[in-house]
Each structure stands twice: as C-alpha cells, then as structure tokens.
Amino acid sequence: MSMKNISKKQAQYGGYAIFIFIFVLIAFPLLIPMGFKMLILVPLAFAIGMVGYWLGGLIHRKMSE
C-alpha cells in the first residue's frame, strides 16, 4: 500500500491504535496486581495514544512531501 492510498486521518488513527496497543502490552502485567487502582492509568493511555495520533499525522505529512 503506497502513501497515496492512505489519508492523513487514517495515518493518525493508525498511530493512535499502535501506541495504545504498545502501552497495553507493556503495562498490562503491571496493571493486574493493582486492581481498581489501575483506573488512574486510563488517562495516561489516552495521552500516550494522542502522541501516536500526532506522530501518525507528522509522518504522513513528511512522507507526502
């Protein structure tokens, strides 16, 4: 799939999904013993996802130039 077939929005959502997936893979073993205290990390997961969203858009723009 070439860059011409991917819209900026798709790249942003792809980056968001990848960063959330990586966060879950890394943090999941740590979250299980915490129980309900892990709910404090939900905003952190969204923040990390937004970094991926931003990077997806940035990479798309740089590769489109």
PDB file of N, CA and C in Angstrom:
ATOM      1  N   MET A   1       0.851  -1.177   0.000  1.00  0.00           N
ATOM      2  CA  MET A   1       0.000   0.000   0.000  1.00  0.00           C
ATOM      3  C   MET A   1       0.892   1.234   0.000  1.00  0.00           C
ATOM      4  N   SER A   2       0.703   2.085  -0.959  1.00  0.00           N
ATOM      5  CA  SER A   2       1.527   3.283  -1.060  1.00  0.00           C
ATOM      6  C   SER A   2       0.947   4.402  -0.197  1.00  0.00           C
ATOM      7  N   MET A   3       1.739   5.430  -0.004  1.00  0.00           N
ATOM      8  CA  MET A   3       1.311   6.553   0.820  1.00  0.00           C
ATOM      9  C   MET A   3       0.144   7.292   0.186  1.00  0.00           C
ATOM     10  N   LYS A   4       0.006   7.215  -1.127  1.00  0.00           N
ATOM     11  CA  LYS A   4      -1.089   7.907  -1.805  1.00  0.00           C
ATOM     12  C   LYS A   4      -2.444   7.304  -1.442  1.00  0.00           C
ATOM     13  N   ASN A   5      -2.462   6.046  -1.030  1.00  0.00           N
ATOM     14  CA  ASN A   5      -3.714   5.378  -0.691  1.00  0.00           C
ATOM     15  C   ASN A   5      -4.135   5.606   0.759  1.00  0.00           C
ATOM     16  N   ILE A   6      -3.274   6.201   1.554  1.00  0.00           N
ATOM     17  CA  ILE A   6      -3.556   6.395   2.977  1.00  0.00           C
ATOM     18  C   ILE A   6      -3.834   7.873   3.227  1.00  0.00           C
ATOM     19  N   SER A   7      -4.985   8.171   3.818  1.00  0.00           N
ATOM     20  CA  SER A   7      -5.293   9.562   4.149  1.00  0.00           C
ATOM     21  C   SER A   7      -4.588   9.938   5.451  1.00  0.00           C
ATOM     22  N   LYS A   8      -4.514  11.226   5.700  1.00  0.00           N
ATOM     23  CA  LYS A   8      -3.879  11.699   6.928  1.00  0.00           C
ATOM     24  C   LYS A   8      -4.637  11.190   8.148  1.00  0.00           C
ATOM     25  N   LYS A   9      -5.962  11.183   8.079  1.00  0.00           N
ATOM     26  CA  LYS A   9      -6.775  10.727   9.209  1.00  0.00           C
ATOM     27  C   LYS A   9      -6.520   9.247   9.497  1.00  0.00           C
ATOM     28  N   GLN A  10      -6.374   8.434   8.449  1.00  0.00           N
ATOM     29  CA  GLN A  10      -6.080   7.014   8.645  1.00  0.00           C
ATOM     30  C   GLN A  10      -4.711   6.836   9.299  1.00  0.00           C
ATOM     31  N   ALA A  11      -3.740   7.635   8.890  1.00  0.00           N
ATOM     32  CA  ALA A  11      -2.405   7.560   9.484  1.00  0.00           C
ATOM     33  C   ALA A  11      -2.453   7.958  10.954  1.00  0.00           C
ATOM     34  N   GLN A  12      -3.240   8.981  11.276  1.00  0.00           N
ATOM     35  CA  GLN A  12      -3.348   9.421  12.661  1.00  0.00           C
ATOM     36  C   GLN A  12      -4.005   8.350  13.526  1.00  0.00           C
ATOM     37  N   TYR A  13      -5.105   7.789  13.055  1.00  0.00           N
ATOM     38  CA  TYR A  13      -5.778   6.745  13.826  1.00  0.00           C
ATOM     39  C   TYR A  13      -4.927   5.489  13.932  1.00  0.00           C
ATOM     40  N   GLY A  14      -4.165   5.189  12.890  1.00  0.00           N
ATOM     41  CA  GLY A  14      -3.255   4.048  12.944  1.00  0.00           C
ATOM     42  C   GLY A  14      -2.183   4.245  14.004  1.00  0.00           C
ATOM     43  N   GLY A  15      -1.608   5.446  14.052  1.00  0.00           N
ATOM     44  CA  GLY A  15      -0.623   5.761  15.084  1.00  0.00           C
ATOM     45  C   GLY A  15      -1.215   5.675  16.473  1.00  0.00           C
ATOM     46  N   TYR A  16      -2.444   6.160  16.638  1.00  0.00           N
ATOM     47  CA  TYR A  16      -3.134   6.093  17.930  1.00  0.00           C
ATOM     48  C   TYR A  16      -3.309   4.641  18.360  1.00  0.00           C
ATOM     49  N   ALA A  17      -3.791   3.803  17.448  1.00  0.00           N
ATOM     50  CA  ALA A  17      -4.036   2.396  17.769  1.00  0.00           C
ATOM     51  C   ALA A  17      -2.740   1.671  18.108  1.00  0.00           C
ATOM     52  N   ILE A  18      -1.684   1.952  17.369  1.00  0.00           N
ATOM     53  CA  ILE A  18      -0.402   1.293  17.624  1.00  0.00           C
ATOM     54  C   ILE A  18       0.137   1.676  18.999  1.00  0.00           C
ATOM     55  N   PHE A  19       0.073   2.954  19.351  1.00  0.00           N
ATOM     56  CA  PHE A  19       0.596   3.386  20.646  1.00  0.00           C
ATOM     57  C   PHE A  19      -0.234   2.831  21.804  1.00  0.00           C
ATOM     58  N   ILE A  20      -1.556   2.756  21.651  1.00  0.00           N
ATOM     59  CA  ILE A  20      -2.392   2.165  22.700  1.00  0.00           C
ATOM     60  C   ILE A  20      -2.060   0.689  22.847  1.00  0.00           C
ATOM     61  N   PHE A  21      -1.902  -0.018  21.732  1.00  0.00           N
ATOM     62  CA  PHE A  21      -1.577  -1.442  21.767  1.00  0.00           C
ATOM     63  C   PHE A  21      -0.239  -1.668  22.468  1.00  0.00           C
ATOM     64  N   ILE A  22       0.768  -0.864  22.140  1.00  0.00           N
ATOM     65  CA  ILE A  22       2.075  -0.991  22.784  1.00  0.00           C
ATOM     66  C   ILE A  22       1.965  -0.691  24.275  1.00  0.00           C
ATOM     67  N   PHE A  23       1.195   0.339  24.641  1.00  0.00           N
ATOM     68  CA  PHE A  23       1.006   0.668  26.053  1.00  0.00           C
ATOM     69  C   PHE A  23       0.379  -0.498  26.805  1.00  0.00           C
ATOM     70  N   VAL A  24      -0.636  -1.113  26.212  1.00  0.00           N
ATOM     71  CA  VAL A  24      -1.307  -2.239  26.869  1.00  0.00           C
ATOM     72  C   VAL A  24      -0.348  -3.415  27.015  1.00  0.00           C
ATOM     73  N   LEU A  25       0.436  -3.705  25.983  1.00  0.00           N
ATOM     74  CA  LEU A  25       1.391  -4.812  26.071  1.00  0.00           C
ATOM     75  C   LEU A  25       2.422  -4.596  27.172  1.00  0.00           C
ATOM     76  N   ILE A  26       2.892  -3.371  27.296  1.00  0.00           N
ATOM     77  CA  ILE A  26       3.922  -3.083  28.293  1.00  0.00           C
ATOM     78  C   ILE A  26       3.324  -2.971  29.691  1.00  0.00           C
ATOM     79  N   ALA A  27       2.195  -2.304  29.817  1.00  0.00           N
ATOM     80  CA  ALA A  27       1.648  -2.001  31.139  1.00  0.00           C
ATOM     81  C   ALA A  27       0.748  -3.098  31.701  1.00  0.00           C
ATOM     82  N   PHE A  28       0.224  -3.990  30.867  1.00  0.00           N
ATOM     83  CA  PHE A  28      -0.748  -4.976  31.348  1.00  0.00           C
ATOM     84  C   PHE A  28      -0.222  -5.831  32.495  1.00  0.00           C
ATOM     85  N   PRO A  29       1.008  -6.364  32.418  1.00  0.00           N
ATOM     86  CA  PRO A  29       1.495  -7.159  33.556  1.00  0.00           C
ATOM     87  C   PRO A  29       1.590  -6.350  34.850  1.00  0.00           C
ATOM     88  N   LEU A  30       1.794  -5.057  34.728  1.00  0.00           N
ATOM     89  CA  LEU A  30       1.867  -4.210  35.916  1.00  0.00           C
ATOM     90  C   LEU A  30       0.480  -3.850  36.442  1.00  0.00           C
ATOM     91  N   LEU A  31      -0.515  -3.839  35.558  1.00  0.00           N
ATOM     92  CA  LEU A  31      -1.851  -3.401  35.941  1.00  0.00           C
ATOM     93  C   LEU A  31      -2.630  -4.463  36.708  1.00  0.00           C
ATOM     94  N   ILE A  32      -2.406  -5.723  36.408  1.00  0.00           N
ATOM     95  CA  ILE A  32      -3.181  -6.801  37.026  1.00  0.00           C
ATOM     96  C   ILE A  32      -3.101  -6.754  38.553  1.00  0.00           C
ATOM     97  N   PRO A  33      -1.916  -6.675  39.162  1.00  0.00           N
ATOM     98  CA  PRO A  33      -1.864  -6.665  40.629  1.00  0.00           C
ATOM     99  C   PRO A  33      -2.444  -5.397  41.265  1.00  0.00           C
ATOM    100  N   MET A  34      -2.584  -4.333  40.494  1.00  0.00           N
ATOM    101  CA  MET A  34      -3.061  -3.072  41.063  1.00  0.00           C
ATOM    102  C   MET A  34      -4.566  -3.048  41.289  1.00  0.00           C
ATOM    103  N   GLY A  35      -5.311  -3.874  40.601  1.00  0.00           N
ATOM    104  CA  GLY A  35      -6.766  -3.884  40.761  1.00  0.00           C
ATOM    105  C   GLY A  35      -7.393  -2.592  40.272  1.00  0.00           C
ATOM    106  N   PHE A  36      -8.317  -2.043  41.076  1.00  0.00           N
ATOM    107  CA  PHE A  36      -9.027  -0.835  40.667  1.00  0.00           C
ATOM    108  C   PHE A  36      -8.140   0.405  40.659  1.00  0.00           C
ATOM    109  N   LYS A  37      -6.981   0.329  41.293  1.00  0.00           N
ATOM    110  CA  LYS A  37      -6.053   1.458  41.253  1.00  0.00           C
ATOM    111  C   LYS A  37      -5.552   1.712  39.834  1.00  0.00           C
ATOM    112  N   MET A  38      -5.669   0.697  38.971  1.00  0.00           N
ATOM    113  CA  MET A  38      -5.189   0.851  37.597  1.00  0.00           C
ATOM    114  C   MET A  38      -6.029   1.839  36.805  1.00  0.00           C
ATOM    115  N   LEU A  39      -7.235   2.157  37.276  1.00  0.00           N
ATOM    116  CA  LEU A  39      -8.087   3.096  36.550  1.00  0.00           C
ATOM    117  C   LEU A  39      -7.458   4.482  36.440  1.00  0.00           C
ATOM    118  N   ILE A  40      -6.535   4.790  37.331  1.00  0.00           N
ATOM    119  CA  ILE A  40      -5.846   6.075  37.252  1.00  0.00           C
ATOM    120  C   ILE A  40      -4.978   6.144  35.995  1.00  0.00           C
ATOM    121  N   LEU A  41      -4.613   4.981  35.445  1.00  0.00           N
ATOM    122  CA  LEU A  41      -3.751   4.954  34.266  1.00  0.00           C
ATOM    123  C   LEU A  41      -4.518   5.081  32.953  1.00  0.00           C
ATOM    124  N   VAL A  42      -5.841   5.066  33.003  1.00  0.00           N
ATOM    125  CA  VAL A  42      -6.634   5.203  31.779  1.00  0.00           C
ATOM    126  C   VAL A  42      -6.355   6.541  31.086  1.00  0.00           C
ATOM    127  N   PRO A  43      -6.332   7.671  31.805  1.00  0.00           N
ATOM    128  CA  PRO A  43      -5.978   8.928  31.123  1.00  0.00           C
ATOM    129  C   PRO A  43      -4.562   8.904  30.540  1.00  0.00           C
ATOM    130  N   LEU A  44      -3.665   8.193  31.195  1.00  0.00           N
ATOM    131  CA  LEU A  44      -2.305   8.067  30.669  1.00  0.00           C
ATOM    132  C   LEU A  44      -2.312   7.314  29.343  1.00  0.00           C
ATOM    133  N   ALA A  45      -3.133   6.285  29.233  1.00  0.00           N
ATOM    134  CA  ALA A  45      -3.235   5.531  27.979  1.00  0.00           C
ATOM    135  C   ALA A  45      -3.743   6.432  26.859  1.00  0.00           C
ATOM    136  N   PHE A  46      -4.736   7.261  27.146  1.00  0.00           N
ATOM    137  CA  PHE A  46      -5.239   8.184  26.127  1.00  0.00           C
ATOM    138  C   PHE A  46      -4.174   9.206  25.735  1.00  0.00           C
ATOM    139  N   ALA A  47      -3.414   9.687  26.708  1.00  0.00           N
ATOM    140  CA  ALA A  47      -2.354  10.653  26.411  1.00  0.00           C
ATOM    141  C   ALA A  47      -1.282  10.024  25.525  1.00  0.00           C
ATOM    142  N   ILE A  48      -0.906   8.800  25.824  1.00  0.00           N
ATOM    143  CA  ILE A  48       0.080   8.102  25.004  1.00  0.00           C
ATOM    144  C   ILE A  48      -0.482   7.860  23.608  1.00  0.00           C
ATOM    145  N   GLY A  49      -1.764   7.535  23.527  1.00  0.00           N
ATOM    146  CA  GLY A  49      -2.410   7.363  22.228  1.00  0.00           C
ATOM    147  C   GLY A  49      -2.398   8.640  21.414  1.00  0.00           C
ATOM    148  N   MET A  50      -2.568   9.775  22.075  1.00  0.00           N
ATOM    149  CA  MET A  50      -2.559  11.050  21.356  1.00  0.00           C
ATOM    150  C   MET A  50      -1.169  11.370  20.808  1.00  0.00           C
ATOM    151  N   VAL A  51      -0.123  10.913  21.491  1.00  0.00           N
ATOM    152  CA  VAL A  51       1.228  11.064  20.947  1.00  0.00           C
ATOM    153  C   VAL A  51       1.331  10.281  19.641  1.00  0.00           C
ATOM    154  N   GLY A  52       0.785   9.070  19.626  1.00  0.00           N
ATOM    155  CA  GLY A  52       0.768   8.274  18.402  1.00  0.00           C
ATOM    156  C   GLY A  52      -0.053   8.928  17.310  1.00  0.00           C
ATOM    157  N   TYR A  53      -1.175   9.540  17.679  1.00  0.00           N
ATOM    158  CA  TYR A  53      -2.036  10.248  16.725  1.00  0.00           C
ATOM    159  C   TYR A  53      -1.261  11.388  16.071  1.00  0.00           C
ATOM    160  N   TRP A  54      -0.554  12.159  16.890  1.00  0.00           N
ATOM    161  CA  TRP A  54       0.240  13.273  16.387  1.00  0.00           C
ATOM    162  C   TRP A  54       1.378  12.777  15.492  1.00  0.00           C
ATOM    163  N   LEU A  55       2.082  11.725  15.943  1.00  0.00           N
ATOM    164  CA  LEU A  55       3.185  11.193  15.147  1.00  0.00           C
ATOM    165  C   LEU A  55       2.701  10.607  13.822  1.00  0.00           C
ATOM    166  N   GLY A  56       1.532   9.976  13.825  1.00  0.00           N
ATOM    167  CA  GLY A  56       0.977   9.447  12.583  1.00  0.00           C
ATOM    168  C   GLY A  56       0.737  10.547  11.567  1.00  0.00           C
ATOM    169  N   GLY A  57       0.173  11.669  12.013  1.00  0.00           N
ATOM    170  CA  GLY A  57      -0.042  12.809  11.120  1.00  0.00           C
ATOM    171  C   GLY A  57       1.262  13.427  10.652  1.00  0.00           C
ATOM    172  N   LEU A  58       2.228  13.521  11.550  1.00  0.00           N
ATOM    173  CA  LEU A  58       3.527  14.101  11.201  1.00  0.00           C
ATOM    174  C   LEU A  58       4.253  13.236  10.174  1.00  0.00           C
ATOM    175  N   ILE A  59       4.266  11.936  10.398  1.00  0.00           N
ATOM    176  CA  ILE A  59       4.927  11.030   9.457  1.00  0.00           C
ATOM    177  C   ILE A  59       4.233  11.069   8.103  1.00  0.00           C
ATOM    178  N   HIS A  60       2.909  11.120   8.107  1.00  0.00           N
ATOM    179  CA  HIS A  60       2.168  11.190   6.843  1.00  0.00           C
ATOM    180  C   HIS A  60       2.530  12.457   6.077  1.00  0.00           C
ATOM    181  N   ARG A  61       2.594  13.577   6.785  1.00  0.00           N
ATOM    182  CA  ARG A  61       2.933  14.842   6.128  1.00  0.00           C
ATOM    183  C   ARG A  61       4.352  14.811   5.567  1.00  0.00           C
ATOM    184  N   LYS A  62       5.301  14.294   6.342  1.00  0.00           N
ATOM    185  CA  LYS A  62       6.694  14.250   5.884  1.00  0.00           C
ATOM    186  C   LYS A  62       6.852  13.321   4.687  1.00  0.00           C
ATOM    187  N   MET A  63       6.136  12.197   4.680  1.00  0.00           N
ATOM    188  CA  MET A  63       6.264  11.254   3.571  1.00  0.00           C
ATOM    189  C   MET A  63       5.506  11.726   2.337  1.00  0.00           C
ATOM    190  N   SER A  64       4.538  12.619   2.518  1.00  0.00           N
ATOM    191  CA  SER A  64       3.773  13.138   1.385  1.00  0.00           C
ATOM    192  C   SER A  64       4.525  14.233   0.639  1.00  0.00           C
ATOM    193  N   GLU A  65       5.494  14.835   1.283  1.00  0.00           N
ATOM    194  CA  GLU A  65       6.245  15.939   0.662  1.00  0.00           C
ATOM    195  C   GLU A  65       7.154  15.446  -0.435  1.00  0.00           C
TER     196      GLU A  65
END
